[in-house]
Amino acid sequence: MGLKQKLHRLKEKYKGKKMAPAFNALHTFLYLPNETTHGGTHIKGADDLKRTMNIVIMALIPCLIFGIFNAGYQHNLQTLPEITKAAGFFSGEFWNWANFEVGAWKVIPLVLISYGVGLAIEFMFAVIKGHEVEEGYLVTGMLVPLIVPVDIPLWMLVVAVAFGVVIGKEVFGGTGMNILNPALTIRAFLFFAYPTWMSGDKVWVHGAVETAGQPDAITGETVLGSLAQGNEAGYSLMDMFFGFIPGSVGETSTMLILLGALILIFTKIGSWRIMVSSIIGALVMGYMFNMVADLGWISESSKFYALMSTEFWHHLLIGGLAFGIVYMATDPVTASQTNRGKWIYGFLIGFISVMIRVFNPAYPEGVMLAILLMNVFAPTIDHYVVQGNIKRRAKRLKVKTA
């Protein structure tokens, strides 16, 4: 008897019982549902929630693979600089297994913890409430390991994932009902509960925390962190574009994030309006700061000057701005739903992200807070967009009937 038949028998055996959602979830995760519509007029599509989530995960896989490599590369760059720096980009020494081995040892446990804890809670709530297990956490489970530092203690991640799933989603009714992006809720919890593990220059490169205070200590300052301290970036534009810089596991490679954006836009899962408007908002805010710096309205000795004078388009290459715009701002549940609302929503995310970067040197990465803030205001934006449309149509109707 095959696995599919065994699962189907278990599904039928526990049908109507308390554990039925757990067996149904396992069956539908591995196989397509057996039920199809019959008779009548129906609009049928090939996509469903599971396919949608799987496409987003596929768009994230390149960032995950590169994040594994870069975690090992940044560690070896600090511990074996004479070998790593000398290796050419296309050389075997550069793409050696040691980089992947170190990265996999640190990143894969983050993925396992994220999925293990999150799905366990999803199953528990499904059994308690007697509803089907929703596939919404499939994407969240992949996003979480990509937006945290590589050396985050696993027990902290367990606590944060439990908080994010329960408080960020389940209390609102589950997938499709949450007002805040669950992955960013988890990251916000980590940032405010354990700030020393989510900021600074010792958490972004594996081994930096353990060697702090030693003569040959590993340093892991990010580009944003360096600029916030008034120093130069220390990395070339190509390094920043390809992602060979310290940072959260999956947020460093703008090139692969751009590839993911194309996948989401081509499959019509991610809103291109939100992505484009967020980029415009970030560029506008960055350009305004450049003008302030160029006109001499702020002293070069000011702690804000380095980030204000950073080329406005460089903001898209550093930090998690690009990652947040592509994979989190476009979350169809928490984003604006109207077309005009998406333009407003996205523009404000980009605009506020760069504003927080410049005016908050202690926490120069502002995209998380900007997206969470706009998640709260998305329904209000849509409300006024809809009301505006109603008023315009009512006015046109009066003119026609006059």
Protein backbone atom coordinates (compact mmCIF):
# COMPACT_ATOMS: atom_id res chain seq x y z
CA MET A 1 0.00 0.00 0.00
CA GLY A 2 1.43 3.39 -1.01
CA LEU A 3 1.87 6.40 1.25
CA LYS A 4 -0.99 8.25 -0.41
CA GLN A 5 -3.41 5.38 0.28
CA LYS A 6 -2.26 5.08 3.91
CA LEU A 7 -2.74 8.79 4.51
CA HIS A 8 -6.15 8.65 2.84
CA ARG A 9 -7.20 5.79 5.14
CA LEU A 10 -6.03 7.72 8.21
CA LYS A 11 -7.88 10.75 6.92
CA GLU A 12 -11.11 8.75 6.59
CA LYS A 13 -10.56 7.00 9.93
CA TYR A 14 -10.27 10.25 11.87
CA LYS A 15 -12.88 12.13 9.83
CA GLY A 16 -15.06 14.14 12.20
CA LYS A 17 -12.72 13.55 15.14
CA LYS A 18 -10.52 16.03 16.97
CA MET A 19 -7.26 15.00 15.28
CA ALA A 20 -8.75 15.16 11.77
CA PRO A 21 -7.20 18.58 10.91
CA ALA A 22 -3.69 17.23 11.56
CA PHE A 23 -4.07 14.27 9.17
CA ASN A 24 -5.87 16.42 6.59
CA ALA A 25 -3.02 18.94 6.67
CA LEU A 26 -0.39 16.24 6.12
CA HIS A 27 -2.41 14.78 3.23
CA THR A 28 -3.00 18.10 1.46
CA PHE A 29 0.61 19.18 2.03
CA LEU A 30 1.91 16.17 0.10
CA TYR A 31 -0.91 15.73 -2.45
CA LEU A 32 -3.54 17.70 -4.29
CA PRO A 33 -7.05 17.57 -2.80
CA ASN A 34 -9.29 14.87 -4.21
CA GLU A 35 -12.34 17.11 -4.12
CA THR A 36 -13.25 19.06 -7.27
CA THR A 37 -16.28 21.13 -8.17
CA HIS A 38 -19.11 19.41 -10.03
CA GLY A 39 -21.90 20.94 -12.10
CA GLY A 40 -23.08 24.51 -12.22
CA THR A 41 -21.08 27.50 -13.33
CA HIS A 42 -17.77 28.02 -11.60
CA ILE A 43 -14.72 30.14 -12.22
CA LYS A 44 -11.89 27.65 -11.99
CA GLY A 45 -8.24 28.56 -11.57
CA ALA A 46 -5.08 26.49 -11.37
CA ASP A 47 -3.77 28.42 -8.37
CA ASP A 48 -4.64 27.82 -4.74
CA LEU A 49 -3.14 28.93 -1.41
CA LYS A 50 -0.61 26.09 -1.36
CA ARG A 51 0.64 26.84 -4.89
CA THR A 52 0.86 30.53 -4.10
CA MET A 53 2.92 29.89 -0.98
CA ASN A 54 5.17 27.44 -2.83
CA ILE A 55 5.95 30.02 -5.52
CA VAL A 56 6.93 32.59 -2.89
CA ILE A 57 9.16 30.00 -1.22
CA MET A 58 10.80 29.25 -4.58
CA ALA A 59 11.44 32.99 -4.98
CA LEU A 60 13.14 32.93 -1.56
CA ILE A 61 15.31 29.86 -2.14
CA PRO A 62 18.09 31.76 -4.01
CA CYS A 63 18.35 34.18 -1.07
CA LEU A 64 18.52 31.25 1.34
CA ILE A 65 21.27 29.44 -0.59
CA PHE A 66 23.31 32.60 -0.96
CA GLY A 67 22.70 33.45 2.71
CA ILE A 68 24.20 30.09 3.69
CA PHE A 69 27.26 30.81 1.54
CA ASN A 70 27.66 34.40 2.70
CA ALA A 71 27.40 33.45 6.39
CA GLY A 72 30.38 31.15 5.94
CA TYR A 73 32.19 33.57 3.65
CA GLN A 74 31.97 36.47 6.12
CA HIS A 75 33.22 34.22 8.94
CA ASN A 76 36.15 32.91 6.90
CA LEU A 77 36.92 36.40 5.65
CA GLN A 78 37.57 37.40 9.26
CA THR A 79 39.37 34.24 10.40
CA LEU A 80 41.27 33.37 7.19
CA PRO A 81 41.68 36.76 5.45
CA GLU A 82 44.91 35.87 3.68
CA ILE A 83 43.14 32.99 1.88
CA THR A 84 39.64 34.36 1.40
CA LYS A 85 40.56 37.84 0.21
CA ALA A 86 43.15 36.53 -2.23
CA ALA A 87 40.67 34.22 -3.94
CA GLY A 88 39.16 35.47 -7.17
CA PHE A 89 35.39 35.58 -7.66
CA PHE A 90 35.43 32.66 -10.10
CA SER A 91 38.04 30.64 -8.26
CA GLY A 92 37.47 27.36 -6.45
CA GLU A 93 38.90 28.87 -3.27
CA PHE A 94 36.15 31.51 -3.27
CA TRP A 95 33.27 29.09 -3.83
CA ASN A 96 34.80 26.37 -1.67
CA TRP A 97 32.76 23.99 0.44
CA ALA A 98 34.12 25.46 3.69
CA ASN A 99 32.03 28.59 3.20
CA PHE A 100 28.86 26.54 2.61
CA GLU A 101 29.71 24.18 5.48
CA VAL A 102 30.05 26.95 8.07
CA GLY A 103 26.95 28.72 6.75
CA ALA A 104 24.83 25.56 6.66
CA TRP A 105 25.83 24.71 10.24
CA LYS A 106 24.43 28.07 11.38
CA VAL A 107 21.51 28.75 9.00
CA ILE A 108 19.81 25.36 8.60
CA PRO A 109 19.04 25.09 12.37
CA LEU A 110 17.33 28.50 12.10
CA VAL A 111 15.12 27.15 9.31
CA LEU A 112 14.30 23.96 11.22
CA ILE A 113 13.43 25.86 14.40
CA SER A 114 11.30 28.34 12.50
CA TYR A 115 9.25 25.68 10.73
CA GLY A 116 9.19 23.22 13.62
CA VAL A 117 7.88 25.64 16.25
CA GLY A 118 5.60 27.59 13.92
CA LEU A 119 3.92 24.57 12.33
CA ALA A 120 3.54 22.84 15.69
CA ILE A 121 1.59 25.83 16.99
CA GLU A 122 -0.46 25.97 13.77
CA PHE A 123 -1.36 22.28 14.15
CA MET A 124 -2.20 22.78 17.82
CA PHE A 125 -4.59 25.66 17.11
CA ALA A 126 -6.18 23.73 14.22
CA VAL A 127 -6.89 20.75 16.48
CA ILE A 128 -8.19 22.93 19.33
CA LYS A 129 -10.43 25.06 17.13
CA GLY A 130 -11.42 22.21 14.81
CA HIS A 131 -10.52 23.94 11.53
CA GLU A 132 -8.19 22.95 8.72
CA VAL A 133 -4.49 23.74 9.02
CA GLU A 134 -3.73 26.81 6.91
CA GLU A 135 -0.69 27.05 4.66
CA GLY A 136 0.01 30.67 5.54
CA TYR A 137 2.98 29.85 7.76
CA LEU A 138 4.87 28.14 4.91
CA VAL A 139 6.18 31.52 3.73
CA THR A 140 6.58 33.00 7.20
CA GLY A 141 8.66 29.98 8.21
CA MET A 142 11.08 30.70 5.38
CA LEU A 143 11.16 34.46 5.89
CA VAL A 144 12.06 34.35 9.59
CA PRO A 145 15.53 32.71 9.23
CA LEU A 146 16.38 35.18 6.46
CA ILE A 147 15.71 38.33 8.50
CA VAL A 148 17.63 37.51 11.68
CA PRO A 149 21.37 37.62 12.51
CA VAL A 150 23.23 34.38 11.87
CA ASP A 151 24.28 33.93 15.51
CA ILE A 152 20.87 34.53 17.11
CA PRO A 153 20.49 31.99 19.96
CA LEU A 154 18.02 29.27 19.00
CA TRP A 155 16.02 29.55 22.22
CA MET A 156 15.36 33.22 21.46
CA LEU A 157 14.06 32.26 18.04
CA VAL A 158 11.77 29.65 19.63
CA VAL A 159 10.26 32.26 21.95
CA ALA A 160 9.91 34.83 19.17
CA VAL A 161 8.28 32.43 16.70
CA ALA A 162 5.78 31.31 19.35
CA PHE A 163 4.96 34.94 20.13
CA GLY A 164 4.64 35.91 16.46
CA VAL A 165 2.36 33.01 15.51
CA VAL A 166 0.09 33.28 18.54
CA ILE A 167 -0.06 37.06 19.06
CA GLY A 168 0.63 38.16 15.49
CA LYS A 169 -1.77 35.79 13.73
CA GLU A 170 -3.82 33.26 15.68
CA VAL A 171 -5.47 35.77 18.04
CA PHE A 172 -6.82 37.55 14.96
CA GLY A 173 -8.32 34.35 13.55
CA GLY A 174 -5.43 32.81 11.59
CA THR A 175 -4.20 33.17 8.03
CA GLY A 176 -5.92 35.98 6.14
CA MET A 177 -7.16 37.72 9.29
CA ASN A 178 -3.92 39.16 10.73
CA ILE A 179 -3.31 42.91 10.51
CA LEU A 180 0.49 42.70 10.95
CA ASN A 181 3.00 40.74 8.91
CA PRO A 182 3.80 37.69 11.12
CA ALA A 183 7.49 37.50 10.13
CA LEU A 184 8.03 41.17 10.96
CA THR A 185 6.08 40.72 14.19
CA ILE A 186 8.60 38.02 15.13
CA ARG A 187 11.53 40.27 14.23
CA ALA A 188 10.04 43.22 16.12
CA PHE A 189 9.64 41.02 19.21
CA LEU A 190 13.28 39.96 18.96
CA PHE A 191 14.44 43.54 18.49
CA PHE A 192 12.61 44.93 21.52
CA ALA A 193 13.01 41.89 23.78
CA TYR A 194 16.68 41.13 22.98
CA PRO A 195 18.11 44.33 21.42
CA THR A 196 21.78 43.40 21.99
CA TRP A 197 21.30 40.36 19.73
CA MET A 198 19.58 42.32 16.96
CA SER A 199 21.78 45.39 16.57
CA GLY A 200 25.36 46.54 16.89
CA ASP A 201 28.48 45.31 15.12
CA LYS A 202 28.91 41.88 16.78
CA VAL A 203 25.86 39.91 15.68
CA TRP A 204 26.07 39.86 11.88
CA VAL A 205 29.14 37.65 11.43
CA HIS A 206 29.38 34.17 12.95
CA GLY A 207 31.82 34.10 15.84
CA ALA A 208 32.01 37.85 16.43
CA VAL A 209 30.16 37.71 19.77
CA GLU A 210 32.36 34.92 21.15
CA THR A 211 35.57 36.76 20.25
CA ALA A 212 34.51 40.18 21.55
CA GLY A 213 37.24 41.74 23.67
CA GLN A 214 40.04 39.57 22.28
CA PRO A 215 42.98 41.17 20.43
CA ASP A 216 42.07 39.50 17.13
CA ALA A 217 38.32 39.84 17.59
CA ILE A 218 35.99 39.29 14.63
CA THR A 219 34.22 42.46 13.53
CA GLY A 220 30.92 42.38 11.72
CA GLU A 221 29.73 45.95 11.26
CA THR A 222 27.18 46.36 8.48
CA VAL A 223 27.25 49.09 5.86
CA LEU A 224 24.35 50.86 7.57
CA GLY A 225 26.01 50.54 10.96
CA SER A 226 29.21 52.03 9.64
CA LEU A 227 27.41 54.95 7.99
CA ALA A 228 25.36 55.56 11.14
CA GLN A 229 28.64 55.97 13.05
CA GLY A 230 29.81 58.56 10.53
CA ASN A 231 32.30 56.26 8.80
CA GLU A 232 32.57 55.22 5.17
CA ALA A 233 30.80 52.12 3.88
CA GLY A 234 33.99 50.11 3.39
CA TYR A 235 32.48 47.98 0.61
CA SER A 236 32.27 48.48 -3.14
CA LEU A 237 28.97 48.93 -4.97
CA MET A 238 29.43 45.52 -6.58
CA ASP A 239 29.89 43.88 -3.17
CA MET A 240 26.69 45.53 -2.00
CA PHE A 241 24.77 44.57 -5.15
CA PHE A 242 25.87 40.93 -5.16
CA GLY A 243 25.58 40.67 -1.36
CA PHE A 244 29.12 40.02 -0.10
CA ILE A 245 28.54 42.14 2.99
CA PRO A 246 27.54 41.44 6.62
CA GLY A 247 23.85 41.55 7.44
CA SER A 248 20.80 39.41 8.14
CA VAL A 249 21.02 35.97 6.55
CA GLY A 250 18.97 36.55 3.40
CA GLU A 251 18.87 40.33 3.03
CA THR A 252 22.29 41.13 1.59
CA SER A 253 22.05 40.20 -2.12
CA THR A 254 20.10 42.86 -4.02
CA MET A 255 20.67 40.91 -7.23
CA LEU A 256 18.87 37.79 -5.96
CA ILE A 257 16.13 39.88 -4.34
CA LEU A 258 15.57 41.46 -7.75
CA LEU A 259 15.31 37.97 -9.25
CA GLY A 260 12.71 37.08 -6.61
CA ALA A 261 10.80 40.27 -7.42
CA LEU A 262 10.62 39.30 -11.10
CA ILE A 263 9.30 35.85 -10.16
CA LEU A 264 6.59 37.33 -7.92
CA ILE A 265 5.58 39.92 -10.51
CA PHE A 266 5.54 37.44 -13.41
CA THR A 267 3.35 35.02 -11.43
CA LYS A 268 1.13 37.94 -10.29
CA ILE A 269 1.62 37.07 -6.63
CA GLY A 270 3.51 40.21 -5.61
CA SER A 271 2.14 43.65 -6.42
CA TRP A 272 4.42 45.57 -8.79
CA ARG A 273 2.63 48.77 -7.77
CA ILE A 274 3.76 48.37 -4.15
CA MET A 275 7.33 47.50 -5.21
CA VAL A 276 7.66 50.43 -7.63
CA SER A 277 6.02 52.96 -5.31
CA SER A 278 8.21 51.84 -2.38
CA ILE A 279 11.32 52.34 -4.49
CA ILE A 280 10.09 55.78 -5.56
CA GLY A 281 9.37 56.72 -1.94
CA ALA A 282 12.85 55.63 -0.82
CA LEU A 283 14.53 57.50 -3.68
CA VAL A 284 12.52 60.69 -3.02
CA MET A 285 13.39 60.70 0.68
CA GLY A 286 17.04 59.87 -0.06
CA TYR A 287 17.25 62.64 -2.68
CA MET A 288 15.75 65.17 -0.25
CA PHE A 289 18.42 64.29 2.31
CA ASN A 290 21.12 64.59 -0.37
CA MET A 291 19.87 68.10 -1.16
CA VAL A 292 20.02 69.06 2.52
CA ALA A 293 23.60 67.80 2.75
CA ASP A 294 24.67 69.44 -0.55
CA LEU A 295 23.22 72.81 0.43
CA GLY A 296 25.24 72.77 3.64
CA TRP A 297 22.21 72.93 5.91
CA ILE A 298 23.76 70.32 8.17
CA SER A 299 27.28 70.19 9.56
CA GLU A 300 29.67 67.50 8.35
CA SER A 301 30.39 66.73 12.00
CA SER A 302 26.75 65.87 12.62
CA LYS A 303 25.96 62.22 13.33
CA PHE A 304 23.30 62.39 10.61
CA TYR A 305 25.61 63.66 7.87
CA ALA A 306 27.05 60.32 6.66
CA LEU A 307 23.63 58.79 5.93
CA MET A 308 22.21 62.09 4.63
CA SER A 309 25.04 62.44 2.13
CA THR A 310 24.88 58.80 0.99
CA GLU A 311 23.84 58.67 -2.66
CA PHE A 312 20.07 58.38 -2.62
CA TRP A 313 19.96 55.24 -4.78
CA HIS A 314 22.53 53.46 -2.60
CA HIS A 315 19.80 52.97 0.00
CA LEU A 316 18.35 50.23 -2.19
CA LEU A 317 21.64 48.27 -2.05
CA ILE A 318 22.26 48.33 1.70
CA GLY A 319 20.34 46.94 4.64
CA GLY A 320 17.05 45.10 4.33
CA LEU A 321 15.13 47.72 2.35
CA ALA A 322 15.02 45.78 -0.92
CA PHE A 323 14.14 42.52 0.85
CA GLY A 324 11.37 44.17 2.84
CA ILE A 325 9.89 45.85 -0.24
CA VAL A 326 9.79 42.65 -2.31
CA TYR A 327 8.80 39.98 0.18
CA MET A 328 7.03 41.74 3.07
CA ALA A 329 5.49 44.98 1.88
CA THR A 330 3.70 42.98 -0.83
CA ASP A 331 2.06 40.57 1.65
CA PRO A 332 -1.49 40.41 0.21
CA VAL A 333 -3.09 40.06 3.66
CA THR A 334 -1.57 43.08 5.41
CA ALA A 335 -1.05 45.42 2.42
CA SER A 336 -3.53 47.80 0.84
CA GLN A 337 -6.02 46.12 -1.49
CA THR A 338 -7.02 48.96 -3.82
CA ASN A 339 -4.77 49.95 -6.73
CA ARG A 340 -4.51 53.59 -5.69
CA GLY A 341 -4.06 52.52 -2.08
CA LYS A 342 -1.11 50.33 -3.09
CA TRP A 343 0.68 53.34 -4.59
CA ILE A 344 0.16 55.37 -1.40
CA TYR A 345 0.99 52.44 0.88
CA GLY A 346 4.20 51.55 -0.96
CA PHE A 347 5.40 55.15 -1.31
CA LEU A 348 5.06 55.76 2.42
CA ILE A 349 6.94 52.54 3.25
CA GLY A 350 9.96 53.59 1.19
CA PHE A 351 9.75 57.21 2.37
CA ILE A 352 9.51 56.36 6.08
CA SER A 353 12.19 53.62 5.85
CA VAL A 354 14.88 56.05 4.71
CA MET A 355 13.68 58.68 7.19
CA ILE A 356 14.12 56.24 10.09
CA ARG A 357 17.54 55.23 8.77
CA VAL A 358 18.83 58.77 8.88
CA PHE A 359 17.20 60.05 12.06
CA ASN A 360 17.76 56.96 14.21
CA PRO A 361 21.49 56.11 14.16
CA ALA A 362 21.01 53.64 17.01
CA TYR A 363 18.78 51.57 14.71
CA PRO A 364 19.54 52.60 11.12
CA GLU A 365 17.44 49.82 9.56
CA GLY A 366 13.94 51.27 9.36
CA VAL A 367 12.10 49.09 6.87
CA MET A 368 10.72 46.75 9.55
CA LEU A 369 9.12 49.58 11.50
CA ALA A 370 7.90 51.31 8.34
CA ILE A 371 6.11 48.21 7.04
CA LEU A 372 4.53 47.41 10.41
CA LEU A 373 3.34 51.01 10.71
CA MET A 374 1.80 50.95 7.24
CA ASN A 375 0.23 47.52 7.95
CA VAL A 376 -1.81 49.32 10.61
CA PHE A 377 -2.79 52.16 8.27
CA ALA A 378 -3.49 50.02 5.17
CA PRO A 379 -7.24 49.60 5.97
CA THR A 380 -7.54 53.36 6.53
CA ILE A 381 -5.87 54.09 3.20
CA ASP A 382 -8.23 51.70 1.41
CA HIS A 383 -11.24 53.20 3.21
CA TYR A 384 -10.51 56.72 1.98
CA VAL A 385 -9.69 55.49 -1.53
CA VAL A 386 -13.04 53.69 -1.72
CA GLN A 387 -14.91 56.67 -0.25
CA GLY A 388 -13.23 58.94 -2.76
CA ASN A 389 -14.36 56.69 -5.62
CA ILE A 390 -17.93 56.67 -4.26
CA LYS A 391 -18.02 60.48 -4.05
CA ARG A 392 -16.68 60.89 -7.60
CA ARG A 393 -19.24 58.44 -9.00
CA ALA A 394 -22.05 60.11 -7.06
CA LYS A 395 -20.98 63.47 -8.46
CA ARG A 396 -20.93 62.11 -12.01
CA LEU A 397 -24.39 60.61 -11.48
CA LYS A 398 -25.74 63.99 -10.35
CA VAL A 399 -24.32 65.67 -13.43
CA LYS A 400 -25.92 63.07 -15.74
CA THR A 401 -29.33 63.29 -14.06
CA ALA A 402 -29.27 67.09 -13.87
